[in-house]
């Protein structure tokens, strides 16, 4: 199962466009960024499991420069400028409850009614790269959307703040 997870991680990087977008996710209309984030959450979880086994998937790049960092940067670029995702989102494939691809669903940036936060994957990423420009952007955007700890999401691995956030 570990090898299968790593293979999925590599497949995602190989499918990634040069701008960091993931084709299957960004074709999802109004939920293009939502699903880009969802895939990143899984990729971070795989990278953390690999790190526990001594493998650095965070440093992995595909032949055309696809990387987890680049996927995250595309997500952040899209949150800051949703127009970037529209050429892909107009495919509007299986968009979920929102049909208007011109308006991106950014609900994943706020705590859900059940106490979960779909950006909980940011905790391990920021813990690994605390001084990176990408981590600074993540923290700034989470602050702008009012995110507070704990950041909990089962898709990320549970209470990610408890597992990765430093004590303040």
N, C-alpha and C. Protein backbone atom coordinates (compact mmCIF):
# COMPACT_ATOMS: atom_id res chain seq x y z
N UNK A 1 0.82 -1.19 0.00
CA UNK A 1 0.00 0.00 0.00
C UNK A 1 0.86 1.26 0.00
N UNK A 2 2.00 1.18 0.69
CA UNK A 2 2.91 2.32 0.71
C UNK A 2 3.40 2.62 -0.72
N UNK A 3 3.82 1.59 -1.43
CA UNK A 3 4.28 1.78 -2.81
C UNK A 3 3.16 2.33 -3.69
N UNK A 4 1.94 1.88 -3.47
CA UNK A 4 0.80 2.38 -4.25
C UNK A 4 0.58 3.86 -3.98
N UNK A 5 0.73 4.28 -2.74
CA UNK A 5 0.58 5.69 -2.40
C UNK A 5 1.65 6.54 -3.07
N UNK A 6 2.88 6.07 -3.04
CA UNK A 6 3.97 6.79 -3.70
C UNK A 6 3.73 6.85 -5.21
N UNK A 7 3.24 5.76 -5.78
CA UNK A 7 2.95 5.74 -7.22
C UNK A 7 1.87 6.77 -7.56
N UNK A 8 0.85 6.90 -6.71
CA UNK A 8 -0.20 7.90 -6.93
C UNK A 8 0.38 9.31 -6.85
N UNK A 9 1.28 9.53 -5.91
CA UNK A 9 1.94 10.82 -5.76
C UNK A 9 2.69 11.17 -7.05
N UNK A 10 3.47 10.23 -7.54
CA UNK A 10 4.24 10.44 -8.77
C UNK A 10 3.30 10.66 -9.95
N UNK A 11 2.22 9.89 -10.03
CA UNK A 11 1.23 10.09 -11.11
C UNK A 11 0.67 11.51 -11.09
N UNK A 12 0.36 12.02 -9.91
CA UNK A 12 -0.18 13.38 -9.80
C UNK A 12 0.82 14.39 -10.33
N UNK A 13 2.09 14.24 -9.97
CA UNK A 13 3.11 15.17 -10.46
C UNK A 13 3.26 15.07 -11.98
N UNK A 14 3.19 13.85 -12.50
CA UNK A 14 3.32 13.65 -13.94
C UNK A 14 2.15 14.24 -14.72
N UNK A 15 0.97 14.26 -14.12
CA UNK A 15 -0.22 14.82 -14.78
C UNK A 15 -0.31 16.33 -14.65
N UNK A 16 0.43 16.90 -13.72
CA UNK A 16 0.35 18.32 -13.44
C UNK A 16 0.79 19.16 -14.64
N UNK A 17 0.04 20.23 -14.86
CA UNK A 17 0.44 21.18 -15.90
C UNK A 17 1.62 22.01 -15.38
N UNK A 18 2.36 22.64 -16.28
CA UNK A 18 3.51 23.45 -15.84
C UNK A 18 3.15 24.56 -14.84
N UNK A 19 1.91 25.04 -14.85
CA UNK A 19 1.52 26.09 -13.91
C UNK A 19 1.16 25.55 -12.53
N UNK A 20 1.19 24.21 -12.36
CA UNK A 20 0.88 23.61 -11.07
C UNK A 20 -0.54 23.11 -10.94
N UNK A 21 -1.37 23.36 -11.93
CA UNK A 21 -2.76 22.90 -11.86
C UNK A 21 -2.84 21.41 -12.16
N UNK A 22 -3.80 20.78 -11.52
CA UNK A 22 -4.06 19.36 -11.73
C UNK A 22 -5.29 19.23 -12.62
N UNK A 23 -5.14 18.67 -13.83
CA UNK A 23 -6.22 18.67 -14.82
C UNK A 23 -7.55 18.09 -14.35
N UNK A 24 -7.53 16.95 -13.69
CA UNK A 24 -8.80 16.34 -13.28
C UNK A 24 -9.53 17.20 -12.24
N UNK A 25 -8.76 17.87 -11.40
CA UNK A 25 -9.36 18.69 -10.35
C UNK A 25 -9.84 20.03 -10.88
N UNK A 26 -9.03 20.67 -11.70
CA UNK A 26 -9.37 22.02 -12.15
C UNK A 26 -10.44 22.03 -13.23
N UNK A 27 -10.82 20.88 -13.73
CA UNK A 27 -11.93 20.80 -14.69
C UNK A 27 -13.28 20.80 -13.99
N UNK A 28 -13.29 20.88 -12.67
CA UNK A 28 -14.51 20.71 -11.87
C UNK A 28 -15.34 21.97 -11.68
N UNK A 29 -15.26 22.89 -12.63
CA UNK A 29 -16.14 24.05 -12.59
C UNK A 29 -15.92 24.93 -11.37
N UNK A 30 -17.01 25.28 -10.71
CA UNK A 30 -16.96 26.16 -9.54
C UNK A 30 -16.15 25.55 -8.40
N UNK A 31 -15.93 24.25 -8.46
CA UNK A 31 -15.16 23.58 -7.41
C UNK A 31 -13.75 23.21 -7.87
N UNK A 32 -13.26 23.88 -8.89
CA UNK A 32 -11.91 23.59 -9.40
C UNK A 32 -10.86 23.77 -8.30
N UNK A 33 -10.89 24.89 -7.62
CA UNK A 33 -9.91 25.13 -6.56
C UNK A 33 -10.18 24.25 -5.35
N UNK A 34 -11.44 23.98 -5.07
CA UNK A 34 -11.81 23.08 -3.98
C UNK A 34 -11.15 21.72 -4.18
N UNK A 35 -11.23 21.19 -5.41
CA UNK A 35 -10.65 19.88 -5.68
C UNK A 35 -9.14 19.93 -5.84
N UNK A 36 -8.57 21.03 -6.29
CA UNK A 36 -7.12 21.19 -6.29
C UNK A 36 -6.63 21.07 -4.84
N UNK A 37 -7.33 21.75 -3.93
CA UNK A 37 -6.99 21.69 -2.51
C UNK A 37 -7.15 20.27 -1.96
N UNK A 38 -8.20 19.60 -2.37
CA UNK A 38 -8.46 18.24 -1.90
C UNK A 38 -7.32 17.30 -2.31
N UNK A 39 -6.87 17.42 -3.54
CA UNK A 39 -5.76 16.59 -4.01
C UNK A 39 -4.48 16.92 -3.24
N UNK A 40 -4.23 18.19 -3.01
CA UNK A 40 -3.04 18.60 -2.26
C UNK A 40 -3.08 18.00 -0.86
N UNK A 41 -4.23 17.99 -0.24
CA UNK A 41 -4.36 17.40 1.09
C UNK A 41 -3.90 15.95 1.09
N UNK A 42 -4.33 15.20 0.09
CA UNK A 42 -3.91 13.80 -0.02
C UNK A 42 -2.42 13.68 -0.30
N UNK A 43 -1.90 14.55 -1.16
CA UNK A 43 -0.48 14.51 -1.49
C UNK A 43 0.39 14.83 -0.28
N UNK A 44 -0.04 15.79 0.53
CA UNK A 44 0.71 16.11 1.75
C UNK A 44 0.67 14.91 2.70
N UNK A 45 -0.47 14.27 2.84
CA UNK A 45 -0.57 13.09 3.71
C UNK A 45 0.37 11.99 3.23
N UNK A 46 0.42 11.76 1.92
CA UNK A 46 1.33 10.76 1.37
C UNK A 46 2.78 11.16 1.62
N UNK A 47 3.10 12.44 1.42
CA UNK A 47 4.46 12.92 1.64
C UNK A 47 4.87 12.73 3.10
N UNK A 48 3.95 12.95 4.03
CA UNK A 48 4.26 12.77 5.45
C UNK A 48 4.47 11.29 5.79
N UNK A 49 3.66 10.42 5.22
CA UNK A 49 3.86 8.99 5.45
C UNK A 49 5.20 8.54 4.87
N UNK A 50 5.55 9.06 3.71
CA UNK A 50 6.84 8.72 3.10
C UNK A 50 7.98 9.25 3.96
N UNK A 51 7.84 10.45 4.50
CA UNK A 51 8.89 11.02 5.35
C UNK A 51 9.15 10.14 6.56
N UNK A 52 8.09 9.56 7.11
CA UNK A 52 8.24 8.66 8.25
C UNK A 52 9.02 7.41 7.88
N UNK A 53 9.04 7.09 6.58
CA UNK A 53 9.79 5.93 6.09
C UNK A 53 11.16 6.33 5.52
N UNK A 54 11.49 7.63 5.61
CA UNK A 54 12.80 8.09 5.16
C UNK A 54 12.86 8.57 3.72
N UNK A 55 11.70 8.82 3.10
CA UNK A 55 11.66 9.29 1.72
C UNK A 55 11.15 10.73 1.67
N UNK A 56 11.81 11.56 0.88
CA UNK A 56 11.43 12.96 0.77
C UNK A 56 10.65 13.22 -0.52
N UNK A 57 9.34 13.05 -0.46
CA UNK A 57 8.51 13.32 -1.64
C UNK A 57 8.31 14.81 -1.85
N UNK A 58 8.51 15.61 -0.80
CA UNK A 58 8.39 17.05 -0.95
C UNK A 58 9.39 17.58 -1.97
N UNK A 59 10.54 16.95 -2.08
CA UNK A 59 11.59 17.40 -2.99
C UNK A 59 11.43 16.83 -4.40
N UNK A 60 10.51 15.90 -4.58
CA UNK A 60 10.33 15.23 -5.86
C UNK A 60 9.74 16.17 -6.91
N UNK A 61 10.30 16.12 -8.10
CA UNK A 61 9.76 16.88 -9.24
C UNK A 61 9.62 15.93 -10.42
N UNK A 62 8.56 16.12 -11.21
CA UNK A 62 8.41 15.32 -12.42
C UNK A 62 9.31 15.91 -13.51
N UNK A 63 9.36 15.24 -14.63
CA UNK A 63 10.22 15.69 -15.73
C UNK A 63 9.89 17.11 -16.19
N UNK A 64 8.63 17.49 -16.13
CA UNK A 64 8.25 18.83 -16.58
C UNK A 64 8.08 19.81 -15.40
N UNK A 65 8.72 19.49 -14.29
CA UNK A 65 8.81 20.38 -13.13
C UNK A 65 7.58 20.39 -12.25
N UNK A 66 6.72 19.40 -12.38
CA UNK A 66 5.60 19.29 -11.46
C UNK A 66 6.12 18.95 -10.07
N UNK A 67 5.61 19.62 -9.06
CA UNK A 67 6.02 19.35 -7.68
C UNK A 67 4.85 19.70 -6.76
N UNK A 68 4.91 19.17 -5.57
CA UNK A 68 3.87 19.49 -4.60
C UNK A 68 3.86 20.99 -4.32
N UNK A 69 5.02 21.58 -4.17
CA UNK A 69 5.09 23.03 -3.93
C UNK A 69 4.41 23.79 -5.06
N UNK A 70 4.63 23.38 -6.29
CA UNK A 70 4.02 24.07 -7.43
C UNK A 70 2.50 23.92 -7.42
N UNK A 71 1.99 22.76 -7.04
CA UNK A 71 0.54 22.57 -6.93
C UNK A 71 -0.05 23.51 -5.87
N UNK A 72 0.67 23.65 -4.75
CA UNK A 72 0.22 24.56 -3.69
C UNK A 72 0.25 26.00 -4.18
N UNK A 73 1.30 26.37 -4.88
CA UNK A 73 1.39 27.74 -5.39
C UNK A 73 0.26 28.05 -6.36
N UNK A 74 -0.12 27.07 -7.21
CA UNK A 74 -1.25 27.30 -8.10
C UNK A 74 -2.52 27.52 -7.30
N UNK A 75 -2.73 26.72 -6.26
CA UNK A 75 -3.91 26.90 -5.41
C UNK A 75 -3.92 28.31 -4.83
N UNK A 76 -2.81 28.75 -4.28
CA UNK A 76 -2.73 30.07 -3.69
C UNK A 76 -2.93 31.16 -4.74
N UNK A 77 -2.34 30.97 -5.92
CA UNK A 77 -2.54 31.93 -7.01
C UNK A 77 -4.02 32.01 -7.36
N UNK A 78 -4.69 30.85 -7.42
CA UNK A 78 -6.11 30.81 -7.76
C UNK A 78 -7.00 31.44 -6.70
N UNK A 79 -6.64 31.27 -5.43
CA UNK A 79 -7.41 31.91 -4.35
C UNK A 79 -7.28 33.42 -4.47
N UNK A 80 -6.08 33.89 -4.73
CA UNK A 80 -5.84 35.32 -4.84
C UNK A 80 -6.37 35.91 -6.15
N UNK A 81 -6.40 35.10 -7.19
CA UNK A 81 -6.88 35.55 -8.50
C UNK A 81 -7.65 34.40 -9.16
N UNK A 82 -8.93 34.22 -8.81
CA UNK A 82 -9.71 33.09 -9.32
C UNK A 82 -9.78 33.02 -10.85
N UNK A 83 -9.54 34.13 -11.53
CA UNK A 83 -9.56 34.12 -12.98
C UNK A 83 -8.53 33.19 -13.59
N UNK A 84 -7.48 32.88 -12.84
CA UNK A 84 -6.44 31.98 -13.36
C UNK A 84 -6.95 30.58 -13.64
N UNK A 85 -7.94 30.15 -12.88
CA UNK A 85 -8.44 28.78 -13.02
C UNK A 85 -9.58 28.67 -14.04
N UNK A 86 -10.15 29.80 -14.45
CA UNK A 86 -11.33 29.77 -15.32
C UNK A 86 -11.12 29.05 -16.65
N UNK A 87 -9.98 29.18 -17.31
CA UNK A 87 -9.82 28.43 -18.57
C UNK A 87 -9.96 26.92 -18.38
N UNK A 88 -9.59 26.42 -17.21
CA UNK A 88 -9.73 24.99 -16.92
C UNK A 88 -11.12 24.68 -16.37
N UNK A 89 -11.62 25.55 -15.52
CA UNK A 89 -12.91 25.33 -14.85
C UNK A 89 -14.08 25.34 -15.83
N UNK A 90 -13.91 26.02 -16.95
CA UNK A 90 -15.02 26.10 -17.91
C UNK A 90 -15.43 24.73 -18.45
N UNK A 91 -14.58 23.73 -18.29
CA UNK A 91 -14.98 22.36 -18.69
C UNK A 91 -16.18 21.91 -17.86
N UNK A 92 -16.28 22.40 -16.63
CA UNK A 92 -17.44 22.19 -15.76
C UNK A 92 -17.83 20.71 -15.64
N UNK A 93 -16.85 19.85 -15.51
CA UNK A 93 -17.09 18.42 -15.37
C UNK A 93 -17.39 18.07 -13.92
N UNK A 94 -18.55 17.52 -13.69
CA UNK A 94 -18.94 17.06 -12.36
C UNK A 94 -18.68 18.13 -11.29
N UNK A 95 -19.28 19.31 -11.44
CA UNK A 95 -18.94 20.44 -10.57
C UNK A 95 -19.57 20.41 -9.18
N UNK A 96 -20.40 19.45 -8.90
CA UNK A 96 -21.06 19.44 -7.59
C UNK A 96 -22.25 20.38 -7.58
N UNK A 97 -22.59 20.94 -6.42
CA UNK A 97 -23.81 21.73 -6.31
C UNK A 97 -23.74 23.11 -6.97
N UNK A 98 -22.55 23.57 -7.30
CA UNK A 98 -22.40 24.90 -7.88
C UNK A 98 -22.12 24.77 -9.37
N UNK A 99 -22.98 25.34 -10.21
CA UNK A 99 -22.86 25.18 -11.65
C UNK A 99 -22.11 26.33 -12.32
N UNK A 100 -22.01 27.47 -11.67
CA UNK A 100 -21.40 28.65 -12.28
C UNK A 100 -19.89 28.63 -12.07
N UNK A 101 -19.16 28.15 -13.07
CA UNK A 101 -17.70 28.03 -12.94
C UNK A 101 -17.00 29.38 -12.83
N UNK A 102 -17.71 30.46 -13.16
CA UNK A 102 -17.11 31.79 -13.06
C UNK A 102 -16.93 32.26 -11.62
N UNK A 103 -17.61 31.59 -10.68
CA UNK A 103 -17.50 31.93 -9.27
C UNK A 103 -16.93 30.71 -8.54
N UNK A 104 -15.69 30.81 -8.13
CA UNK A 104 -15.04 29.68 -7.46
C UNK A 104 -15.51 29.54 -6.02
N UNK A 105 -15.80 28.31 -5.62
CA UNK A 105 -16.21 27.99 -4.26
C UNK A 105 -14.96 27.96 -3.38
N UNK A 106 -14.83 28.94 -2.50
CA UNK A 106 -13.69 29.02 -1.59
C UNK A 106 -14.08 28.67 -0.15
N UNK A 107 -15.20 27.97 0.00
CA UNK A 107 -15.65 27.59 1.34
C UNK A 107 -14.62 26.74 2.09
N UNK A 108 -13.70 26.11 1.38
CA UNK A 108 -12.68 25.30 2.04
C UNK A 108 -11.72 26.15 2.87
N UNK A 109 -11.78 27.46 2.71
CA UNK A 109 -10.89 28.35 3.47
C UNK A 109 -11.43 28.71 4.85
N UNK A 110 -12.64 28.27 5.17
CA UNK A 110 -13.23 28.57 6.47
C UNK A 110 -13.60 27.27 7.19
N UNK A 111 -13.66 27.35 8.51
CA UNK A 111 -14.03 26.18 9.31
C UNK A 111 -15.44 25.74 8.94
N UNK A 112 -15.61 24.45 8.82
CA UNK A 112 -16.90 23.87 8.45
C UNK A 112 -17.80 23.80 9.68
N UNK A 113 -19.07 23.61 9.46
CA UNK A 113 -20.05 23.52 10.55
C UNK A 113 -19.77 22.38 11.51
N UNK A 114 -19.09 21.35 11.05
CA UNK A 114 -18.76 20.20 11.91
C UNK A 114 -17.38 20.34 12.57
N UNK A 115 -16.84 21.56 12.53
CA UNK A 115 -15.58 21.84 13.21
C UNK A 115 -14.33 21.48 12.43
N UNK A 116 -14.51 20.96 11.23
CA UNK A 116 -13.36 20.57 10.42
C UNK A 116 -12.92 21.74 9.55
N UNK A 117 -11.63 21.75 9.25
CA UNK A 117 -11.07 22.78 8.37
C UNK A 117 -10.30 22.09 7.26
N UNK A 118 -10.74 22.27 6.03
CA UNK A 118 -10.17 21.54 4.91
C UNK A 118 -8.77 22.02 4.51
N UNK A 119 -8.26 23.00 5.22
CA UNK A 119 -6.87 23.44 4.99
C UNK A 119 -5.94 22.93 6.10
N UNK A 120 -6.36 21.91 6.83
CA UNK A 120 -5.55 21.37 7.92
C UNK A 120 -4.21 20.83 7.41
N UNK A 121 -4.15 20.45 6.16
CA UNK A 121 -2.89 19.95 5.58
C UNK A 121 -1.78 21.00 5.62
N UNK A 122 -2.15 22.26 5.82
CA UNK A 122 -1.13 23.31 5.86
C UNK A 122 -0.22 23.17 7.09
N UNK A 123 -0.72 22.57 8.15
CA UNK A 123 0.09 22.44 9.37
C UNK A 123 1.39 21.66 9.12
N UNK A 124 1.34 20.45 8.55
CA UNK A 124 2.61 19.77 8.30
C UNK A 124 3.48 20.48 7.27
N UNK A 125 2.85 21.08 6.27
CA UNK A 125 3.64 21.76 5.24
C UNK A 125 4.39 22.95 5.85
N UNK A 126 3.68 23.77 6.61
CA UNK A 126 4.31 24.95 7.22
C UNK A 126 5.35 24.52 8.26
N UNK A 127 5.09 23.42 8.97
CA UNK A 127 6.07 22.94 9.95
C UNK A 127 7.36 22.51 9.27
N UNK A 128 7.26 21.95 8.08
CA UNK A 128 8.46 21.51 7.34
C UNK A 128 9.19 22.68 6.68
N UNK A 129 8.44 23.67 6.25
CA UNK A 129 9.03 24.79 5.51
C UNK A 129 8.60 26.12 6.11
N UNK A 130 8.92 26.36 7.38
CA UNK A 130 8.37 27.53 8.09
C UNK A 130 8.76 28.88 7.50
N UNK A 131 9.89 28.97 6.87
CA UNK A 131 10.37 30.26 6.35
C UNK A 131 10.20 30.41 4.85
N UNK A 132 9.58 29.45 4.20
CA UNK A 132 9.43 29.53 2.75
C UNK A 132 8.37 30.57 2.36
N UNK A 133 8.52 31.09 1.17
CA UNK A 133 7.54 32.06 0.65
C UNK A 133 6.16 31.42 0.56
N UNK A 134 6.10 30.15 0.21
CA UNK A 134 4.81 29.45 0.10
C UNK A 134 4.15 29.36 1.47
N UNK A 135 4.91 29.03 2.50
CA UNK A 135 4.35 28.96 3.86
C UNK A 135 3.88 30.33 4.33
N UNK A 136 4.63 31.36 4.01
CA UNK A 136 4.21 32.72 4.40
C UNK A 136 2.88 33.06 3.72
N UNK A 137 2.74 32.71 2.45
CA UNK A 137 1.47 32.97 1.75
C UNK A 137 0.34 32.16 2.37
N UNK A 138 0.59 30.90 2.69
CA UNK A 138 -0.43 30.07 3.32
C UNK A 138 -0.91 30.70 4.62
N UNK A 139 0.03 31.10 5.47
CA UNK A 139 -0.34 31.71 6.76
C UNK A 139 -1.13 33.00 6.55
N UNK A 140 -0.68 33.82 5.60
CA UNK A 140 -1.37 35.08 5.35
C UNK A 140 -2.80 34.85 4.88
N UNK A 141 -2.99 33.94 3.92
CA UNK A 141 -4.34 33.68 3.41
C UNK A 141 -5.24 33.06 4.48
N UNK A 142 -4.70 32.15 5.26
CA UNK A 142 -5.51 31.57 6.34
C UNK A 142 -5.92 32.66 7.33
N UNK A 143 -5.01 33.56 7.64
CA UNK A 143 -5.36 34.69 8.52
C UNK A 143 -6.44 35.56 7.90
N UNK A 144 -6.31 35.85 6.60
CA UNK A 144 -7.31 36.68 5.93
C UNK A 144 -8.70 36.06 5.96
N UNK A 145 -8.75 34.72 5.93
CA UNK A 145 -10.04 34.04 5.96
C UNK A 145 -10.47 33.69 7.40
N UNK A 146 -9.68 34.13 8.38
CA UNK A 146 -10.06 33.95 9.78
C UNK A 146 -9.83 32.56 10.34
N UNK A 147 -8.93 31.80 9.75
CA UNK A 147 -8.67 30.44 10.24
C UNK A 147 -8.02 30.49 11.61
N UNK A 148 -8.52 29.67 12.53
CA UNK A 148 -7.93 29.55 13.86
C UNK A 148 -7.70 28.08 14.16
N UNK A 149 -6.73 27.84 15.01
CA UNK A 149 -6.43 26.47 15.42
C UNK A 149 -7.42 26.01 16.47
N UNK A 150 -7.68 24.73 16.55
CA UNK A 150 -7.00 23.68 15.84
C UNK A 150 -7.55 23.48 14.43
N UNK A 151 -6.66 23.08 13.53
CA UNK A 151 -7.05 22.72 12.17
C UNK A 151 -7.15 21.20 12.13
N UNK A 152 -8.38 20.73 11.97
CA UNK A 152 -8.67 19.29 12.04
C UNK A 152 -9.37 18.86 10.76
N UNK A 153 -8.88 17.77 10.19
CA UNK A 153 -9.53 17.19 9.02
C UNK A 153 -9.08 15.74 8.88
N UNK A 154 -10.02 14.83 8.81
CA UNK A 154 -9.69 13.41 8.70
C UNK A 154 -8.91 13.09 7.43
N UNK A 155 -9.18 13.81 6.33
CA UNK A 155 -8.47 13.55 5.09
C UNK A 155 -6.98 13.89 5.22
N UNK A 156 -6.66 14.80 6.11
CA UNK A 156 -5.27 15.18 6.35
C UNK A 156 -4.60 14.29 7.39
N UNK A 157 -5.39 13.66 8.24
CA UNK A 157 -4.83 12.81 9.28
C UNK A 157 -5.32 13.13 10.68
N UNK A 158 -6.35 13.97 10.79
CA UNK A 158 -6.92 14.29 12.10
C UNK A 158 -6.60 15.70 12.55
N UNK A 159 -6.24 15.83 13.82
CA UNK A 159 -5.92 17.13 14.40
C UNK A 159 -4.49 17.49 14.02
N UNK A 160 -4.35 18.16 12.90
CA UNK A 160 -3.03 18.47 12.38
C UNK A 160 -2.33 19.54 13.21
N UNK A 161 -3.09 20.39 13.87
CA UNK A 161 -2.46 21.37 14.76
C UNK A 161 -1.78 20.66 15.93
N UNK A 162 -2.45 19.68 16.49
CA UNK A 162 -1.88 18.93 17.60
C UNK A 162 -0.61 18.20 17.16
N UNK A 163 -0.62 17.68 15.95
CA UNK A 163 0.51 16.89 15.48
C UNK A 163 1.70 17.73 14.99
N UNK A 164 1.43 18.93 14.44
CA UNK A 164 2.50 19.66 13.76
C UNK A 164 2.74 21.09 14.20
N UNK A 165 1.77 21.75 14.80
CA UNK A 165 1.95 23.16 15.16
C UNK A 165 2.87 23.27 16.37
N UNK A 166 3.75 24.22 16.33
CA UNK A 166 4.62 24.46 17.47
C UNK A 166 3.85 25.06 18.63
N UNK A 167 4.35 24.87 19.81
CA UNK A 167 3.73 25.43 21.00
C UNK A 167 4.08 26.92 21.05
N UNK A 168 3.08 27.74 21.30
CA UNK A 168 3.29 29.19 21.35
C UNK A 168 3.13 29.70 22.75
